[in-house]
Amino acid sequence: MQVTSLQFLGTFTIVAIITLSFGALLGDMIKSFFKRRLGYERECKFPLVDQLDFVAGAWILTYTFDPVWFSYNFLADPWIMVTVILFTPLLHRVTNIIGYYLN
């Protein structure tokens, strides 16, 4: 079963929607678990890992449960993955700065 969104956003399967969302949260939880075990405090920064944990979680879970969709949308054009890895830390920082100034 496929859910079609706006044309430029592509087509997502129900499994991809669920695993991308849940995987992002799961990646963040796993990173937090290991940060605590390594002795990092709650607000302590962990450069790059703090920005890419949810991407890794989303990709791993989606590839595990919907490898055909993942391969078609990410592995078919590796530049998509490179773009996500490069722009995610930048967007994360920019949105944090905007949020800080907006209170």
N, C-alpha and C. Protein backbone atom coordinates (compact mmCIF):
# COMPACT_ATOMS: atom_id res chain seq x y z
N MET A 1 0.85 -1.18 0.00
CA MET A 1 0.00 0.00 0.00
C MET A 1 0.89 1.24 0.00
N GLN A 2 0.57 2.16 -0.85
CA GLN A 2 1.37 3.37 -0.95
C GLN A 2 0.51 4.60 -0.69
N VAL A 3 1.13 5.57 -0.05
CA VAL A 3 0.47 6.84 0.19
C VAL A 3 1.17 7.86 -0.70
N THR A 4 0.44 8.46 -1.60
CA THR A 4 1.04 9.44 -2.49
C THR A 4 0.85 10.82 -1.92
N SER A 5 1.95 11.55 -1.84
CA SER A 5 1.89 12.91 -1.33
C SER A 5 2.05 13.86 -2.50
N LEU A 6 2.46 15.06 -2.22
CA LEU A 6 2.72 16.00 -3.29
C LEU A 6 3.76 15.40 -4.23
N GLN A 7 3.62 15.68 -5.49
CA GLN A 7 4.45 15.04 -6.50
C GLN A 7 5.96 15.18 -6.24
N PHE A 8 6.40 16.36 -5.85
CA PHE A 8 7.84 16.56 -5.66
C PHE A 8 8.38 15.86 -4.42
N LEU A 9 7.50 15.43 -3.51
CA LEU A 9 7.94 14.72 -2.32
C LEU A 9 8.07 13.23 -2.54
N GLY A 10 7.56 12.73 -3.64
CA GLY A 10 7.67 11.31 -3.94
C GLY A 10 6.58 10.48 -3.30
N THR A 11 6.79 9.18 -3.35
CA THR A 11 5.81 8.24 -2.83
C THR A 11 6.40 7.49 -1.64
N PHE A 12 5.64 7.41 -0.57
CA PHE A 12 6.07 6.72 0.64
C PHE A 12 5.16 5.53 0.88
N THR A 13 5.74 4.45 1.39
CA THR A 13 4.92 3.33 1.84
C THR A 13 4.56 3.60 3.30
N ILE A 14 3.53 2.93 3.77
CA ILE A 14 3.14 3.06 5.18
C ILE A 14 4.30 2.61 6.08
N VAL A 15 4.95 1.53 5.69
CA VAL A 15 6.08 1.03 6.48
C VAL A 15 7.19 2.07 6.54
N ALA A 16 7.48 2.73 5.42
CA ALA A 16 8.54 3.75 5.39
C ALA A 16 8.18 4.93 6.29
N ILE A 17 6.94 5.35 6.26
CA ILE A 17 6.51 6.47 7.10
C ILE A 17 6.69 6.13 8.58
N ILE A 18 6.28 4.94 8.96
CA ILE A 18 6.37 4.53 10.36
C ILE A 18 7.83 4.33 10.78
N THR A 19 8.61 3.64 9.95
CA THR A 19 9.99 3.35 10.34
C THR A 19 10.89 4.58 10.31
N LEU A 20 10.66 5.50 9.39
CA LEU A 20 11.44 6.73 9.40
C LEU A 20 11.17 7.52 10.67
N SER A 21 9.91 7.62 11.04
CA SER A 21 9.54 8.38 12.24
C SER A 21 10.03 7.70 13.52
N PHE A 22 9.68 6.44 13.66
CA PHE A 22 10.05 5.71 14.87
C PHE A 22 11.56 5.52 14.95
N GLY A 23 12.21 5.28 13.81
CA GLY A 23 13.65 5.10 13.78
C GLY A 23 14.40 6.34 14.23
N ALA A 24 13.88 7.52 13.85
CA ALA A 24 14.52 8.77 14.29
C ALA A 24 14.48 8.88 15.80
N LEU A 25 13.35 8.58 16.40
CA LEU A 25 13.23 8.63 17.86
C LEU A 25 14.08 7.56 18.52
N LEU A 26 14.08 6.37 17.94
CA LEU A 26 14.85 5.27 18.50
C LEU A 26 16.35 5.57 18.44
N GLY A 27 16.80 6.15 17.34
CA GLY A 27 18.21 6.54 17.22
C GLY A 27 18.62 7.54 18.29
N ASP A 28 17.73 8.50 18.55
CA ASP A 28 18.02 9.50 19.58
C ASP A 28 18.05 8.86 20.97
N MET A 29 17.14 7.94 21.23
CA MET A 29 17.12 7.27 22.54
C MET A 29 18.36 6.41 22.75
N ILE A 30 18.78 5.70 21.71
CA ILE A 30 19.96 4.85 21.83
C ILE A 30 21.21 5.71 22.06
N LYS A 31 21.32 6.82 21.33
CA LYS A 31 22.44 7.73 21.53
C LYS A 31 22.45 8.26 22.96
N SER A 32 21.30 8.65 23.47
CA SER A 32 21.21 9.17 24.84
C SER A 32 21.61 8.11 25.86
N PHE A 33 21.19 6.88 25.62
CA PHE A 33 21.56 5.78 26.51
C PHE A 33 23.08 5.64 26.60
N PHE A 34 23.74 5.63 25.45
CA PHE A 34 25.19 5.47 25.45
C PHE A 34 25.92 6.70 25.98
N LYS A 35 25.36 7.88 25.75
CA LYS A 35 25.95 9.09 26.32
C LYS A 35 25.98 9.00 27.84
N ARG A 36 24.89 8.55 28.44
CA ARG A 36 24.83 8.43 29.90
C ARG A 36 25.83 7.39 30.40
N ARG A 37 25.95 6.28 29.66
CA ARG A 37 26.88 5.23 30.08
C ARG A 37 28.32 5.69 29.98
N LEU A 38 28.61 6.62 29.07
CA LEU A 38 29.96 7.17 28.92
C LEU A 38 30.23 8.31 29.90
N GLY A 39 29.21 8.68 30.68
CA GLY A 39 29.39 9.70 31.70
C GLY A 39 29.05 11.11 31.28
N TYR A 40 28.46 11.28 30.11
CA TYR A 40 28.06 12.62 29.67
C TYR A 40 26.82 13.06 30.43
N GLU A 41 26.79 14.32 30.82
CA GLU A 41 25.62 14.87 31.50
C GLU A 41 24.51 15.12 30.49
N ARG A 42 23.31 15.40 31.00
CA ARG A 42 22.13 15.57 30.16
C ARG A 42 22.30 16.64 29.08
N GLU A 43 22.82 17.78 29.39
CA GLU A 43 22.94 18.88 28.43
C GLU A 43 24.30 18.93 27.74
N CYS A 44 25.16 17.97 28.01
CA CYS A 44 26.50 17.97 27.44
C CYS A 44 26.44 17.70 25.93
N LYS A 45 27.27 18.44 25.19
CA LYS A 45 27.28 18.30 23.74
C LYS A 45 28.12 17.11 23.31
N PHE A 46 27.66 16.46 22.26
CA PHE A 46 28.34 15.33 21.66
C PHE A 46 28.36 15.60 20.16
N PRO A 47 29.33 16.40 19.68
CA PRO A 47 29.32 16.90 18.30
C PRO A 47 29.11 15.81 17.25
N LEU A 48 28.36 16.15 16.26
CA LEU A 48 27.94 15.33 15.14
C LEU A 48 27.02 14.17 15.53
N VAL A 49 27.32 13.50 16.62
CA VAL A 49 26.46 12.40 17.05
C VAL A 49 25.09 12.95 17.43
N ASP A 50 25.06 14.11 18.09
CA ASP A 50 23.79 14.72 18.47
C ASP A 50 22.95 15.09 17.25
N GLN A 51 23.59 15.39 16.14
CA GLN A 51 22.85 15.80 14.95
C GLN A 51 22.51 14.64 14.03
N LEU A 52 23.27 13.58 14.04
CA LEU A 52 23.06 12.51 13.07
C LEU A 52 22.47 11.23 13.66
N ASP A 53 22.22 11.21 14.97
CA ASP A 53 21.68 10.01 15.59
C ASP A 53 20.31 9.63 15.05
N PHE A 54 19.47 10.62 14.86
CA PHE A 54 18.12 10.32 14.37
C PHE A 54 18.13 9.92 12.88
N VAL A 55 19.07 10.45 12.13
CA VAL A 55 19.20 10.04 10.72
C VAL A 55 19.62 8.57 10.65
N ALA A 56 20.62 8.21 11.43
CA ALA A 56 21.08 6.83 11.44
C ALA A 56 19.98 5.88 11.89
N GLY A 57 19.26 6.25 12.94
CA GLY A 57 18.17 5.40 13.43
C GLY A 57 17.08 5.23 12.39
N ALA A 58 16.71 6.32 11.73
CA ALA A 58 15.67 6.26 10.70
C ALA A 58 16.11 5.40 9.53
N TRP A 59 17.34 5.58 9.09
CA TRP A 59 17.83 4.80 7.95
C TRP A 59 17.96 3.32 8.28
N ILE A 60 18.50 3.00 9.45
CA ILE A 60 18.70 1.59 9.82
C ILE A 60 17.36 0.88 9.95
N LEU A 61 16.42 1.50 10.65
CA LEU A 61 15.12 0.85 10.84
C LEU A 61 14.36 0.73 9.52
N THR A 62 14.43 1.75 8.69
CA THR A 62 13.73 1.70 7.40
C THR A 62 14.36 0.66 6.49
N TYR A 63 15.67 0.60 6.45
CA TYR A 63 16.32 -0.41 5.62
C TYR A 63 15.99 -1.82 6.11
N THR A 64 15.86 -1.98 7.41
CA THR A 64 15.55 -3.30 7.97
C THR A 64 14.15 -3.76 7.58
N PHE A 65 13.17 -2.87 7.64
CA PHE A 65 11.78 -3.27 7.42
C PHE A 65 11.24 -2.98 6.02
N ASP A 66 11.88 -2.09 5.28
CA ASP A 66 11.42 -1.76 3.92
C ASP A 66 12.63 -1.51 3.02
N PRO A 67 13.45 -2.57 2.80
CA PRO A 67 14.69 -2.37 2.05
C PRO A 67 14.48 -1.95 0.60
N VAL A 68 13.39 -2.37 -0.01
CA VAL A 68 13.13 -1.99 -1.40
C VAL A 68 12.89 -0.49 -1.50
N TRP A 69 12.04 0.05 -0.63
CA TRP A 69 11.77 1.50 -0.65
C TRP A 69 13.04 2.28 -0.34
N PHE A 70 13.78 1.84 0.69
CA PHE A 70 15.00 2.53 1.08
C PHE A 70 16.02 2.53 -0.06
N SER A 71 16.22 1.38 -0.68
CA SER A 71 17.18 1.28 -1.78
C SER A 71 16.78 2.17 -2.94
N TYR A 72 15.51 2.18 -3.26
CA TYR A 72 15.03 3.00 -4.38
C TYR A 72 15.21 4.49 -4.10
N ASN A 73 14.98 4.91 -2.87
CA ASN A 73 15.01 6.33 -2.54
C ASN A 73 16.35 6.85 -2.04
N PHE A 74 17.20 5.99 -1.52
CA PHE A 74 18.48 6.46 -0.97
C PHE A 74 19.69 5.82 -1.65
N LEU A 75 19.69 4.52 -1.81
CA LEU A 75 20.86 3.85 -2.35
C LEU A 75 20.99 4.02 -3.86
N ALA A 76 19.89 4.27 -4.54
CA ALA A 76 19.94 4.46 -5.99
C ALA A 76 20.74 5.69 -6.36
N ASP A 77 20.71 6.69 -5.52
CA ASP A 77 21.48 7.92 -5.76
C ASP A 77 22.21 8.28 -4.47
N PRO A 78 23.46 7.84 -4.33
CA PRO A 78 24.21 8.09 -3.09
C PRO A 78 24.35 9.56 -2.72
N TRP A 79 24.21 10.45 -3.69
CA TRP A 79 24.32 11.88 -3.38
C TRP A 79 23.21 12.35 -2.46
N ILE A 80 22.08 11.66 -2.47
CA ILE A 80 21.01 12.00 -1.53
C ILE A 80 21.48 11.76 -0.11
N MET A 81 22.12 10.63 0.13
CA MET A 81 22.62 10.32 1.47
C MET A 81 23.72 11.30 1.88
N VAL A 82 24.60 11.63 0.96
CA VAL A 82 25.67 12.58 1.25
C VAL A 82 25.08 13.94 1.61
N THR A 83 24.08 14.36 0.85
CA THR A 83 23.42 15.65 1.11
C THR A 83 22.78 15.66 2.49
N VAL A 84 22.09 14.59 2.83
CA VAL A 84 21.45 14.52 4.15
C VAL A 84 22.49 14.57 5.26
N ILE A 85 23.58 13.83 5.11
CA ILE A 85 24.62 13.80 6.13
C ILE A 85 25.30 15.16 6.28
N LEU A 86 25.49 15.86 5.16
CA LEU A 86 26.17 17.16 5.23
C LEU A 86 25.26 18.28 5.72
N PHE A 87 23.99 18.28 5.31
CA PHE A 87 23.11 19.39 5.65
C PHE A 87 22.40 19.23 6.99
N THR A 88 22.28 18.02 7.50
CA THR A 88 21.58 17.83 8.77
C THR A 88 22.24 18.58 9.92
N PRO A 89 23.57 18.48 10.12
CA PRO A 89 24.17 19.26 11.22
C PRO A 89 24.00 20.77 11.05
N LEU A 90 24.09 21.24 9.83
CA LEU A 90 23.91 22.66 9.57
C LEU A 90 22.48 23.11 9.88
N LEU A 91 21.51 22.36 9.40
CA LEU A 91 20.10 22.71 9.68
C LEU A 91 19.78 22.59 11.16
N HIS A 92 20.37 21.60 11.81
CA HIS A 92 20.16 21.42 13.25
C HIS A 92 20.64 22.65 14.01
N ARG A 93 21.82 23.12 13.65
CA ARG A 93 22.39 24.30 14.33
C ARG A 93 21.58 25.55 14.06
N VAL A 94 21.19 25.75 12.80
CA VAL A 94 20.42 26.94 12.42
C VAL A 94 19.07 26.96 13.14
N THR A 95 18.38 25.83 13.19
CA THR A 95 17.07 25.81 13.87
C THR A 95 17.23 26.01 15.37
N ASN A 96 18.31 25.54 15.96
CA ASN A 96 18.56 25.77 17.39
C ASN A 96 18.79 27.25 17.66
N ILE A 97 19.52 27.92 16.80
CA ILE A 97 19.78 29.35 16.96
C ILE A 97 18.48 30.14 16.82
N ILE A 98 17.69 29.80 15.80
CA ILE A 98 16.39 30.48 15.61
C ILE A 98 15.49 30.26 16.82
N GLY A 99 15.44 29.03 17.30
CA GLY A 99 14.62 28.72 18.47
C GLY A 99 15.08 29.47 19.71
N TYR A 100 16.38 29.61 19.86
CA TYR A 100 16.92 30.37 21.00
C TYR A 100 16.45 31.82 20.95
N TYR A 101 16.52 32.44 19.79
CA TYR A 101 16.13 33.86 19.68
C TYR A 101 14.62 34.04 19.73
N LEU A 102 13.86 33.01 19.41
CA LEU A 102 12.40 33.10 19.51
C LEU A 102 11.89 32.73 20.91
N ASN A 103 12.81 32.30 21.75
CA ASN A 103 12.49 31.82 23.10
C ASN A 103 11.70 30.54 23.02
